[in-house]
Amino acid sequence: MTGDVQNPGRAVKGRIKEQIRESGFSLNQIAKNAEVSYTTLRHFMQTEDGADLDLVLRLCYALNLNLAQLTEGTTPQDSGELQLIRYYRQIRRSASRDALVEAAKGLCLAEKLADPSA
């Protein structure tokens, strides 16, 4: 996913539009599931201007989308800490999650041993 740091709202809207097109559902079906009018959804699809947060959240719910994933890469700096959290959340098996946590603990310990003043 590429980001648009200059206009994150446009980037998110573009990603939602892409998901709508790929969903296989009609605009009528999506509008009904999002509890918005067909006219509102059609306007959303036809324009490049921003969309209000309420509409974005309703569409995310109707399409089972994660808003955090849609906004990924739209900020000037995507910190390593947030990236690590995203990776953690993508791991399905608890044993793998535990292994990641243990690896992080080991890295912290190694840093402390290498530089006790830190």
N, C-alpha and C. Protein backbone atom coordinates (compact mmCIF):
# COMPACT_ATOMS: atom_id res chain seq x y z
N MET A 1 0.83 -1.17 0.00
CA MET A 1 0.00 0.00 0.00
C MET A 1 0.88 1.24 0.00
N THR A 2 0.67 2.09 -0.93
CA THR A 2 1.42 3.32 -0.94
C THR A 2 0.62 4.39 -0.24
N GLY A 3 1.35 5.30 0.38
CA GLY A 3 0.69 6.35 1.15
C GLY A 3 0.70 7.67 0.42
N ASP A 4 -0.16 8.55 0.83
CA ASP A 4 -0.21 9.91 0.31
C ASP A 4 -0.09 10.84 1.52
N VAL A 5 1.17 11.17 1.86
CA VAL A 5 1.42 11.98 3.04
C VAL A 5 0.83 13.37 2.87
N GLN A 6 0.80 13.87 1.63
CA GLN A 6 0.28 15.20 1.39
C GLN A 6 -1.22 15.28 1.63
N ASN A 7 -1.95 14.21 1.35
CA ASN A 7 -3.39 14.21 1.54
C ASN A 7 -3.84 12.83 2.04
N PRO A 8 -3.66 12.58 3.34
CA PRO A 8 -4.02 11.25 3.86
C PRO A 8 -5.50 10.92 3.71
N GLY A 9 -6.38 11.93 3.77
CA GLY A 9 -7.82 11.67 3.60
C GLY A 9 -8.13 11.12 2.22
N ARG A 10 -7.46 11.67 1.22
CA ARG A 10 -7.64 11.19 -0.15
C ARG A 10 -7.12 9.75 -0.30
N ALA A 11 -6.00 9.47 0.36
CA ALA A 11 -5.44 8.12 0.30
C ALA A 11 -6.39 7.10 0.91
N VAL A 12 -6.95 7.43 2.08
CA VAL A 12 -7.88 6.52 2.75
C VAL A 12 -9.14 6.34 1.89
N LYS A 13 -9.65 7.44 1.35
CA LYS A 13 -10.84 7.35 0.51
C LYS A 13 -10.56 6.47 -0.70
N GLY A 14 -9.39 6.63 -1.30
CA GLY A 14 -9.03 5.80 -2.45
C GLY A 14 -8.97 4.33 -2.11
N ARG A 15 -8.47 4.02 -0.93
CA ARG A 15 -8.38 2.62 -0.49
C ARG A 15 -9.76 2.04 -0.25
N ILE A 16 -10.66 2.84 0.33
CA ILE A 16 -12.03 2.37 0.55
C ILE A 16 -12.72 2.14 -0.79
N LYS A 17 -12.54 3.07 -1.71
CA LYS A 17 -13.16 2.91 -3.05
C LYS A 17 -12.67 1.61 -3.70
N GLU A 18 -11.38 1.36 -3.57
CA GLU A 18 -10.80 0.14 -4.14
C GLU A 18 -11.45 -1.09 -3.52
N GLN A 19 -11.63 -1.07 -2.20
CA GLN A 19 -12.25 -2.21 -1.51
C GLN A 19 -13.71 -2.38 -1.93
N ILE A 20 -14.40 -1.27 -2.15
CA ILE A 20 -15.79 -1.34 -2.60
C ILE A 20 -15.85 -2.01 -3.97
N ARG A 21 -14.98 -1.58 -4.88
CA ARG A 21 -14.97 -2.17 -6.23
C ARG A 21 -14.64 -3.66 -6.20
N GLU A 22 -13.73 -4.05 -5.31
CA GLU A 22 -13.29 -5.44 -5.24
C GLU A 22 -14.23 -6.33 -4.42
N SER A 23 -15.17 -5.72 -3.70
CA SER A 23 -16.02 -6.49 -2.79
C SER A 23 -16.99 -7.43 -3.49
N GLY A 24 -17.37 -7.08 -4.71
CA GLY A 24 -18.36 -7.89 -5.40
C GLY A 24 -19.80 -7.53 -5.03
N PHE A 25 -19.97 -6.60 -4.11
CA PHE A 25 -21.30 -6.16 -3.71
C PHE A 25 -21.71 -4.95 -4.53
N SER A 26 -23.01 -4.78 -4.71
CA SER A 26 -23.51 -3.60 -5.40
C SER A 26 -23.45 -2.40 -4.46
N LEU A 27 -23.48 -1.21 -5.05
CA LEU A 27 -23.51 0.00 -4.22
C LEU A 27 -24.76 0.01 -3.34
N ASN A 28 -25.87 -0.49 -3.86
CA ASN A 28 -27.10 -0.56 -3.07
C ASN A 28 -26.90 -1.44 -1.83
N GLN A 29 -26.27 -2.59 -2.02
CA GLN A 29 -26.04 -3.50 -0.89
C GLN A 29 -25.11 -2.86 0.15
N ILE A 30 -24.06 -2.23 -0.32
CA ILE A 30 -23.11 -1.61 0.60
C ILE A 30 -23.76 -0.46 1.34
N ALA A 31 -24.52 0.36 0.61
CA ALA A 31 -25.21 1.49 1.25
C ALA A 31 -26.15 0.99 2.34
N LYS A 32 -26.88 -0.07 2.05
CA LYS A 32 -27.80 -0.64 3.03
C LYS A 32 -27.05 -1.13 4.26
N ASN A 33 -25.95 -1.87 4.05
CA ASN A 33 -25.16 -2.39 5.17
C ASN A 33 -24.50 -1.27 5.98
N ALA A 34 -24.13 -0.18 5.31
CA ALA A 34 -23.49 0.95 5.98
C ALA A 34 -24.52 1.90 6.59
N GLU A 35 -25.78 1.66 6.29
CA GLU A 35 -26.88 2.51 6.76
C GLU A 35 -26.71 3.96 6.30
N VAL A 36 -26.39 4.09 5.01
CA VAL A 36 -26.32 5.41 4.36
C VAL A 36 -27.15 5.33 3.09
N SER A 37 -27.49 6.46 2.54
CA SER A 37 -28.29 6.45 1.32
C SER A 37 -27.42 6.07 0.12
N TYR A 38 -28.07 5.53 -0.88
CA TYR A 38 -27.37 5.19 -2.12
C TYR A 38 -26.75 6.45 -2.72
N THR A 39 -27.46 7.56 -2.65
CA THR A 39 -26.96 8.83 -3.20
C THR A 39 -25.67 9.26 -2.50
N THR A 40 -25.61 9.09 -1.19
CA THR A 40 -24.40 9.43 -0.44
C THR A 40 -23.23 8.57 -0.89
N LEU A 41 -23.46 7.28 -1.03
CA LEU A 41 -22.40 6.38 -1.45
C LEU A 41 -21.98 6.66 -2.89
N ARG A 42 -22.93 6.92 -3.76
CA ARG A 42 -22.60 7.23 -5.15
C ARG A 42 -21.76 8.51 -5.22
N HIS A 43 -22.10 9.51 -4.44
CA HIS A 43 -21.32 10.75 -4.39
C HIS A 43 -19.90 10.46 -3.89
N PHE A 44 -19.79 9.63 -2.87
CA PHE A 44 -18.48 9.23 -2.34
C PHE A 44 -17.63 8.60 -3.45
N MET A 45 -18.24 7.74 -4.24
CA MET A 45 -17.51 7.01 -5.29
C MET A 45 -17.13 7.91 -6.46
N GLN A 46 -17.92 8.93 -6.74
CA GLN A 46 -17.71 9.75 -7.93
C GLN A 46 -16.84 10.97 -7.71
N THR A 47 -16.61 11.34 -6.46
CA THR A 47 -15.86 12.56 -6.20
C THR A 47 -14.49 12.26 -5.61
N GLU A 48 -13.61 13.24 -5.72
CA GLU A 48 -12.27 13.12 -5.16
C GLU A 48 -12.14 13.87 -3.84
N ASP A 49 -13.17 14.65 -3.48
CA ASP A 49 -13.09 15.41 -2.24
C ASP A 49 -13.14 14.47 -1.04
N GLY A 50 -12.87 15.00 0.13
CA GLY A 50 -12.83 14.19 1.34
C GLY A 50 -14.19 13.65 1.73
N ALA A 51 -14.16 12.76 2.70
CA ALA A 51 -15.39 12.18 3.24
C ALA A 51 -15.36 12.37 4.75
N ASP A 52 -16.53 12.52 5.34
CA ASP A 52 -16.54 12.71 6.80
C ASP A 52 -16.28 11.39 7.51
N LEU A 53 -15.80 11.51 8.73
CA LEU A 53 -15.40 10.34 9.50
C LEU A 53 -16.56 9.37 9.72
N ASP A 54 -17.75 9.88 9.94
CA ASP A 54 -18.91 9.01 10.16
C ASP A 54 -19.12 8.09 8.95
N LEU A 55 -19.04 8.65 7.75
CA LEU A 55 -19.23 7.84 6.54
C LEU A 55 -18.10 6.82 6.40
N VAL A 56 -16.88 7.25 6.63
CA VAL A 56 -15.73 6.33 6.53
C VAL A 56 -15.90 5.17 7.50
N LEU A 57 -16.28 5.45 8.73
CA LEU A 57 -16.46 4.39 9.73
C LEU A 57 -17.61 3.46 9.36
N ARG A 58 -18.69 4.01 8.84
CA ARG A 58 -19.82 3.17 8.42
C ARG A 58 -19.41 2.24 7.28
N LEU A 59 -18.63 2.76 6.34
CA LEU A 59 -18.17 1.94 5.21
C LEU A 59 -17.18 0.87 5.69
N CYS A 60 -16.31 1.23 6.62
CA CYS A 60 -15.39 0.25 7.18
C CYS A 60 -16.16 -0.90 7.83
N TYR A 61 -17.19 -0.55 8.58
CA TYR A 61 -18.00 -1.57 9.24
C TYR A 61 -18.71 -2.45 8.19
N ALA A 62 -19.31 -1.82 7.20
CA ALA A 62 -20.07 -2.57 6.19
C ALA A 62 -19.17 -3.49 5.37
N LEU A 63 -17.92 -3.08 5.16
CA LEU A 63 -17.00 -3.86 4.34
C LEU A 63 -16.03 -4.69 5.17
N ASN A 64 -16.20 -4.65 6.50
CA ASN A 64 -15.32 -5.37 7.41
C ASN A 64 -13.86 -4.97 7.20
N LEU A 65 -13.63 -3.65 7.17
CA LEU A 65 -12.28 -3.11 6.98
C LEU A 65 -11.74 -2.57 8.29
N ASN A 66 -10.45 -2.61 8.43
CA ASN A 66 -9.77 -2.09 9.60
C ASN A 66 -9.25 -0.70 9.27
N LEU A 67 -9.73 0.31 9.97
CA LEU A 67 -9.34 1.69 9.70
C LEU A 67 -7.83 1.88 9.85
N ALA A 68 -7.23 1.20 10.80
CA ALA A 68 -5.77 1.34 10.99
C ALA A 68 -5.01 0.88 9.75
N GLN A 69 -5.47 -0.20 9.12
CA GLN A 69 -4.81 -0.67 7.90
C GLN A 69 -5.01 0.32 6.75
N LEU A 70 -6.16 0.94 6.69
CA LEU A 70 -6.42 1.90 5.62
C LEU A 70 -5.57 3.15 5.75
N THR A 71 -5.21 3.50 6.97
CA THR A 71 -4.42 4.72 7.18
C THR A 71 -2.92 4.45 7.19
N GLU A 72 -2.53 3.19 7.12
CA GLU A 72 -1.11 2.85 7.14
C GLU A 72 -0.36 3.54 6.00
N GLY A 73 0.73 4.16 6.34
CA GLY A 73 1.55 4.82 5.33
C GLY A 73 1.09 6.22 4.96
N THR A 74 0.08 6.74 5.63
CA THR A 74 -0.42 8.07 5.30
C THR A 74 0.14 9.14 6.23
N THR A 75 0.96 8.72 7.18
CA THR A 75 1.60 9.68 8.08
C THR A 75 3.05 9.88 7.66
N PRO A 76 3.62 11.05 7.91
CA PRO A 76 4.98 11.31 7.49
C PRO A 76 6.00 10.31 8.01
N GLN A 77 5.83 9.86 9.25
CA GLN A 77 6.74 8.89 9.82
C GLN A 77 5.95 7.75 10.40
N ASP A 78 6.22 6.56 9.92
CA ASP A 78 5.58 5.37 10.44
C ASP A 78 6.61 4.70 11.34
N SER A 79 6.51 4.90 12.64
CA SER A 79 7.56 4.47 13.55
C SER A 79 7.71 2.96 13.59
N GLY A 80 8.91 2.54 13.94
CA GLY A 80 9.20 1.11 14.07
C GLY A 80 8.36 0.47 15.16
N GLU A 81 8.04 1.24 16.20
CA GLU A 81 7.21 0.71 17.28
C GLU A 81 5.83 0.31 16.76
N LEU A 82 5.23 1.17 15.95
CA LEU A 82 3.92 0.85 15.38
C LEU A 82 4.02 -0.33 14.43
N GLN A 83 5.12 -0.40 13.69
CA GLN A 83 5.31 -1.52 12.78
C GLN A 83 5.39 -2.83 13.55
N LEU A 84 6.12 -2.82 14.66
CA LEU A 84 6.24 -4.02 15.48
C LEU A 84 4.88 -4.46 16.01
N ILE A 85 4.07 -3.50 16.43
CA ILE A 85 2.73 -3.82 16.92
C ILE A 85 1.89 -4.43 15.79
N ARG A 86 1.99 -3.88 14.59
CA ARG A 86 1.25 -4.44 13.46
C ARG A 86 1.66 -5.88 13.19
N TYR A 87 2.97 -6.14 13.21
CA TYR A 87 3.44 -7.50 12.99
C TYR A 87 2.91 -8.44 14.08
N TYR A 88 2.95 -7.99 15.32
CA TYR A 88 2.46 -8.78 16.44
C TYR A 88 0.99 -9.15 16.22
N ARG A 89 0.20 -8.18 15.80
CA ARG A 89 -1.24 -8.41 15.58
C ARG A 89 -1.51 -9.35 14.43
N GLN A 90 -0.58 -9.45 13.49
CA GLN A 90 -0.78 -10.34 12.34
C GLN A 90 -0.48 -11.79 12.67
N ILE A 91 0.24 -12.02 13.76
CA ILE A 91 0.60 -13.38 14.15
C ILE A 91 -0.62 -14.04 14.79
N ARG A 92 -0.99 -15.18 14.26
CA ARG A 92 -2.20 -15.86 14.73
C ARG A 92 -1.93 -16.80 15.92
N ARG A 93 -0.81 -17.52 15.87
CA ARG A 93 -0.53 -18.53 16.89
C ARG A 93 0.06 -17.88 18.14
N SER A 94 -0.47 -18.24 19.31
CA SER A 94 0.01 -17.63 20.56
C SER A 94 1.46 -17.99 20.83
N ALA A 95 1.89 -19.19 20.44
CA ALA A 95 3.29 -19.58 20.65
C ALA A 95 4.22 -18.67 19.85
N SER A 96 3.80 -18.29 18.66
CA SER A 96 4.61 -17.39 17.84
C SER A 96 4.64 -16.00 18.45
N ARG A 97 3.50 -15.57 18.98
CA ARG A 97 3.47 -14.26 19.65
C ARG A 97 4.39 -14.26 20.86
N ASP A 98 4.35 -15.35 21.63
CA ASP A 98 5.23 -15.46 22.79
C ASP A 98 6.69 -15.42 22.38
N ALA A 99 7.01 -16.07 21.27
CA ALA A 99 8.39 -16.08 20.77
C ALA A 99 8.84 -14.68 20.39
N LEU A 100 7.95 -13.90 19.80
CA LEU A 100 8.29 -12.53 19.44
C LEU A 100 8.56 -11.69 20.68
N VAL A 101 7.73 -11.86 21.70
CA VAL A 101 7.92 -11.12 22.95
C VAL A 101 9.25 -11.51 23.59
N GLU A 102 9.57 -12.80 23.61
CA GLU A 102 10.83 -13.26 24.19
C GLU A 102 12.02 -12.73 23.40
N ALA A 103 11.90 -12.68 22.09
CA ALA A 103 12.98 -12.13 21.27
C ALA A 103 13.20 -10.66 21.59
N ALA A 104 12.12 -9.91 21.77
CA ALA A 104 12.23 -8.49 22.12
C ALA A 104 12.89 -8.32 23.49
N LYS A 105 12.51 -9.17 24.45
CA LYS A 105 13.14 -9.11 25.77
C LYS A 105 14.63 -9.39 25.65
N GLY A 106 15.00 -10.38 24.85
CA GLY A 106 16.41 -10.72 24.65
C GLY A 106 17.19 -9.57 24.04
N LEU A 107 16.60 -8.89 23.09
CA LEU A 107 17.26 -7.74 22.47
C LEU A 107 17.45 -6.61 23.47
N CYS A 108 16.46 -6.38 24.31
CA CYS A 108 16.58 -5.34 25.35
C CYS A 108 17.70 -5.68 26.32
N LEU A 109 17.78 -6.94 26.74
CA LEU A 109 18.83 -7.37 27.64
C LEU A 109 20.20 -7.23 26.99
N ALA A 110 20.30 -7.63 25.72
CA ALA A 110 21.57 -7.52 25.01
C ALA A 110 22.03 -6.07 24.92
N GLU A 111 21.10 -5.16 24.70
CA GLU A 111 21.46 -3.73 24.64
C GLU A 111 21.93 -3.24 25.99
N LYS A 112 21.27 -3.65 27.06
CA LYS A 112 21.69 -3.23 28.40
C LYS A 112 23.08 -3.74 28.72
N LEU A 113 23.37 -4.98 28.34
CA LEU A 113 24.70 -5.55 28.60
C LEU A 113 25.77 -4.85 27.77
N ALA A 114 25.41 -4.47 26.54
CA ALA A 114 26.38 -3.81 25.67
C ALA A 114 26.64 -2.37 26.11
N ASP A 115 25.64 -1.72 26.68
CA ASP A 115 25.78 -0.33 27.11
C ASP A 115 25.07 -0.15 28.45
N PRO A 116 25.77 -0.47 29.54
CA PRO A 116 25.13 -0.40 30.87
C PRO A 116 24.63 0.99 31.26
N SER A 117 25.13 2.03 30.62
CA SER A 117 24.69 3.39 30.98
C SER A 117 23.33 3.73 30.37
N ALA A 118 22.85 2.91 29.46
CA ALA A 118 21.58 3.21 28.79
C ALA A 118 20.41 2.92 29.68
